[in-house]
Amino acid sequence: MASIWLEGLELFCTEDRATLKGRPLDLSRMERQLLLYLAQNPHETLTRERLLREVWGYAAMGATRTIDSHVKKLRAHMGGCGKYIVTVRGQGYRLDPPPGQVLSCESCECARRAAS
């Protein structure tokens, strides 16, 4: 089973679920997709427009507040791990995991993205 780890948070890449310290997280589909996309692009500032295009699948300008809303909910679900989703003022968001945290897995799309 392919997964991404972040300080007690496990995101199962090939399934629609995540856990925090072994307990299921009640993430919406879009919150899970957003977290996965952030994890696949660690330390990279992702604009709201790019997140709309890549995660939501549309390029509707002006709808960027939906990103802010989803990030806020995602941080709340993530507890202490939510601090790793950093707001880049005027630009967007990035995931800044602590050194040594595993953010890619060996057997899925995450590994292929990290290698390129």
C-alpha atoms as a PDB file:
ATOM      1  CA  MET A   1       0.000   0.000   0.000  1.00  0.00           C
ATOM      2  CA  ALA A   2       1.550   3.284  -1.103  1.00  0.00           C
ATOM      3  CA  SER A   3       1.520   6.093   1.431  1.00  0.00           C
ATOM      4  CA  ILE A   4       3.081   9.401   2.395  1.00  0.00           C
ATOM      5  CA  TRP A   5       4.170  10.073   5.983  1.00  0.00           C
ATOM      6  CA  LEU A   6       4.433  13.385   7.777  1.00  0.00           C
ATOM      7  CA  GLU A   7       5.004  13.307  11.538  1.00  0.00           C
ATOM      8  CA  GLY A   8       2.188  10.904  12.425  1.00  0.00           C
ATOM      9  CA  LEU A   9       0.051  11.777   9.421  1.00  0.00           C
ATOM     10  CA  GLU A  10      -0.261   9.058   6.801  1.00  0.00           C
ATOM     11  CA  LEU A  11      -1.865   9.730   3.448  1.00  0.00           C
ATOM     12  CA  PHE A  12      -2.677   6.602   1.468  1.00  0.00           C
ATOM     13  CA  CYS A  13      -1.925   7.610  -2.109  1.00  0.00           C
ATOM     14  CA  THR A  14      -3.804   4.809  -3.823  1.00  0.00           C
ATOM     15  CA  GLU A  15      -6.844   4.985  -1.550  1.00  0.00           C
ATOM     16  CA  ASP A  16      -9.226   7.681  -0.472  1.00  0.00           C
ATOM     17  CA  ARG A  17      -8.113   7.845   3.138  1.00  0.00           C
ATOM     18  CA  ALA A  18      -5.666   9.342   5.596  1.00  0.00           C
ATOM     19  CA  THR A  19      -4.835   8.744   9.237  1.00  0.00           C
ATOM     20  CA  LEU A  20      -3.322  10.823  12.015  1.00  0.00           C
ATOM     21  CA  LYS A  21      -1.520   8.789  14.686  1.00  0.00           C
ATOM     22  CA  GLY A  22      -3.407   5.717  13.476  1.00  0.00           C
ATOM     23  CA  ARG A  23      -6.865   7.293  13.643  1.00  0.00           C
ATOM     24  CA  PRO A  24      -8.861   7.944  10.466  1.00  0.00           C
ATOM     25  CA  LEU A  25      -9.000  11.563   9.292  1.00  0.00           C
ATOM     26  CA  ASP A  26     -12.322  12.742   7.982  1.00  0.00           C
ATOM     27  CA  LEU A  27     -10.996  14.591   4.919  1.00  0.00           C
ATOM     28  CA  SER A  28     -13.176  15.546   2.007  1.00  0.00           C
ATOM     29  CA  ARG A  29     -12.064  14.274  -1.392  1.00  0.00           C
ATOM     30  CA  MET A  30     -10.738  17.727  -2.311  1.00  0.00           C
ATOM     31  CA  GLU A  31      -8.886  18.148   1.005  1.00  0.00           C
ATOM     32  CA  ARG A  32      -7.201  14.809   0.410  1.00  0.00           C
ATOM     33  CA  GLN A  33      -6.287  15.732  -3.185  1.00  0.00           C
ATOM     34  CA  LEU A  34      -4.954  19.088  -2.026  1.00  0.00           C
ATOM     35  CA  LEU A  35      -2.785  17.456   0.649  1.00  0.00           C
ATOM     36  CA  LEU A  36      -1.505  14.909  -1.851  1.00  0.00           C
ATOM     37  CA  TYR A  37      -0.589  17.619  -4.356  1.00  0.00           C
ATOM     38  CA  LEU A  38       1.197  19.667  -1.692  1.00  0.00           C
ATOM     39  CA  ALA A  39       3.080  16.541  -0.560  1.00  0.00           C
ATOM     40  CA  GLN A  40       4.092  15.749  -4.137  1.00  0.00           C
ATOM     41  CA  ASN A  41       5.598  19.240  -4.427  1.00  0.00           C
ATOM     42  CA  PRO A  42       7.297  19.872  -1.061  1.00  0.00           C
ATOM     43  CA  HIS A  43       9.027  23.224  -0.503  1.00  0.00           C
ATOM     44  CA  GLU A  44       7.548  24.581  -3.751  1.00  0.00           C
ATOM     45  CA  THR A  45       5.266  27.597  -3.561  1.00  0.00           C
ATOM     46  CA  LEU A  46       2.064  26.692  -5.380  1.00  0.00           C
ATOM     47  CA  THR A  47      -0.096  29.572  -6.532  1.00  0.00           C
ATOM     48  CA  ARG A  48      -3.810  29.466  -5.885  1.00  0.00           C
ATOM     49  CA  GLU A  49      -4.365  29.463  -9.651  1.00  0.00           C
ATOM     50  CA  ARG A  50      -2.099  26.444 -10.095  1.00  0.00           C
ATOM     51  CA  LEU A  51      -3.851  24.608  -7.279  1.00  0.00           C
ATOM     52  CA  LEU A  52      -7.227  25.336  -8.887  1.00  0.00           C
ATOM     53  CA  ARG A  53      -5.971  24.037 -12.210  1.00  0.00           C
ATOM     54  CA  GLU A  54      -4.091  20.967 -10.962  1.00  0.00           C
ATOM     55  CA  VAL A  55      -6.270  19.852  -8.040  1.00  0.00           C
ATOM     56  CA  TRP A  56      -9.723  21.105  -8.980  1.00  0.00           C
ATOM     57  CA  GLY A  57      -9.208  20.784 -12.732  1.00  0.00           C
ATOM     58  CA  TYR A  58     -10.314  24.241 -13.802  1.00  0.00           C
ATOM     59  CA  ALA A  59      -8.821  27.638 -14.387  1.00  0.00           C
ATOM     60  CA  ALA A  60     -11.493  29.941 -13.025  1.00  0.00           C
ATOM     61  CA  MET A  61      -9.830  33.157 -11.972  1.00  0.00           C
ATOM     62  CA  GLY A  62     -11.379  34.840  -8.979  1.00  0.00           C
ATOM     63  CA  ALA A  63     -12.385  31.552  -7.340  1.00  0.00           C
ATOM     64  CA  THR A  64      -9.190  31.385  -5.311  1.00  0.00           C
ATOM     65  CA  ARG A  65     -10.960  31.871  -1.959  1.00  0.00           C
ATOM     66  CA  THR A  66     -12.041  28.242  -2.223  1.00  0.00           C
ATOM     67  CA  ILE A  67      -8.353  27.307  -1.900  1.00  0.00           C
ATOM     68  CA  ASP A  68      -8.022  29.373   1.274  1.00  0.00           C
ATOM     69  CA  SER A  69     -11.117  27.735   2.718  1.00  0.00           C
ATOM     70  CA  HIS A  70      -9.895  24.217   1.948  1.00  0.00           C
ATOM     71  CA  VAL A  71      -6.428  24.930   3.357  1.00  0.00           C
ATOM     72  CA  LYS A  72      -7.978  26.237   6.582  1.00  0.00           C
ATOM     73  CA  LYS A  73     -10.097  23.083   6.956  1.00  0.00           C
ATOM     74  CA  LEU A  74      -7.161  20.846   6.036  1.00  0.00           C
ATOM     75  CA  ARG A  75      -4.924  22.469   8.663  1.00  0.00           C
ATOM     76  CA  ALA A  76      -7.628  21.948  11.290  1.00  0.00           C
ATOM     77  CA  HIS A  77      -7.908  18.241  10.401  1.00  0.00           C
ATOM     78  CA  MET A  78      -4.128  17.836  10.484  1.00  0.00           C
ATOM     79  CA  GLY A  79      -3.733  19.098  14.042  1.00  0.00           C
ATOM     80  CA  GLY A  80      -0.084  19.902  14.816  1.00  0.00           C
ATOM     81  CA  CYS A  81       0.978  18.824  11.321  1.00  0.00           C
ATOM     82  CA  GLY A  82      -1.078  21.691   9.887  1.00  0.00           C
ATOM     83  CA  LYS A  83       1.776  24.045  10.732  1.00  0.00           C
ATOM     84  CA  TYR A  84       3.727  22.591   7.809  1.00  0.00           C
ATOM     85  CA  ILE A  85       1.325  24.103   5.286  1.00  0.00           C
ATOM     86  CA  VAL A  86       2.809  27.563   4.929  1.00  0.00           C
ATOM     87  CA  THR A  87       0.976  30.576   3.523  1.00  0.00           C
ATOM     88  CA  VAL A  88       3.122  32.534   1.089  1.00  0.00           C
ATOM     89  CA  ARG A  89       1.508  35.940   1.237  1.00  0.00           C
ATOM     90  CA  GLY A  90       0.246  37.183  -2.109  1.00  0.00           C
ATOM     91  CA  GLN A  91       1.249  33.953  -3.845  1.00  0.00           C
ATOM     92  CA  GLY A  92      -0.199  30.740  -2.467  1.00  0.00           C
ATOM     93  CA  TYR A  93       0.856  27.824  -0.272  1.00  0.00           C
ATOM     94  CA  ARG A  94       3.654  25.324   0.171  1.00  0.00           C
ATOM     95  CA  LEU A  95       4.278  22.297   2.323  1.00  0.00           C
ATOM     96  CA  ASP A  96       7.481  22.639   4.358  1.00  0.00           C
ATOM     97  CA  PRO A  97       8.002  19.314   6.119  1.00  0.00           C
ATOM     98  CA  PRO A  98      10.768  18.980   8.679  1.00  0.00           C
ATOM     99  CA  PRO A  99      14.075  17.509   7.493  1.00  0.00           C
ATOM    100  CA  GLY A 100      14.050  13.746   7.160  1.00  0.00           C
ATOM    101  CA  GLN A 101      10.302  13.333   6.745  1.00  0.00           C
ATOM    102  CA  VAL A 102       9.259  10.922   3.998  1.00  0.00           C
ATOM    103  CA  LEU A 103       7.081  12.654   1.434  1.00  0.00           C
ATOM    104  CA  SER A 104       7.112  10.168  -1.401  1.00  0.00           C
ATOM    105  CA  CYS A 105       6.414   6.515  -1.722  1.00  0.00           C
ATOM    106  CA  GLU A 106       8.070   3.882  -3.839  1.00  0.00           C
ATOM    107  CA  SER A 107       5.251   2.356  -5.830  1.00  0.00           C
ATOM    108  CA  CYS A 108       2.939   5.048  -7.105  1.00  0.00           C
ATOM    109  CA  GLU A 109       2.654   8.343  -8.954  1.00  0.00           C
ATOM    110  CA  CYS A 110       4.373  10.109  -6.042  1.00  0.00           C
ATOM    111  CA  ALA A 111       7.630   8.308  -6.740  1.00  0.00           C
ATOM    112  CA  ARG A 112       7.458   9.074 -10.463  1.00  0.00           C
ATOM    113  CA  ARG A 113       6.842  12.782  -9.764  1.00  0.00           C
ATOM    114  CA  ALA A 114       9.689  12.987  -7.249  1.00  0.00           C
ATOM    115  CA  ALA A 115      12.117  11.382  -9.719  1.00  0.00           C
ATOM    116  CA  SER A 116      11.400  13.883 -12.487  1.00  0.00           C
END
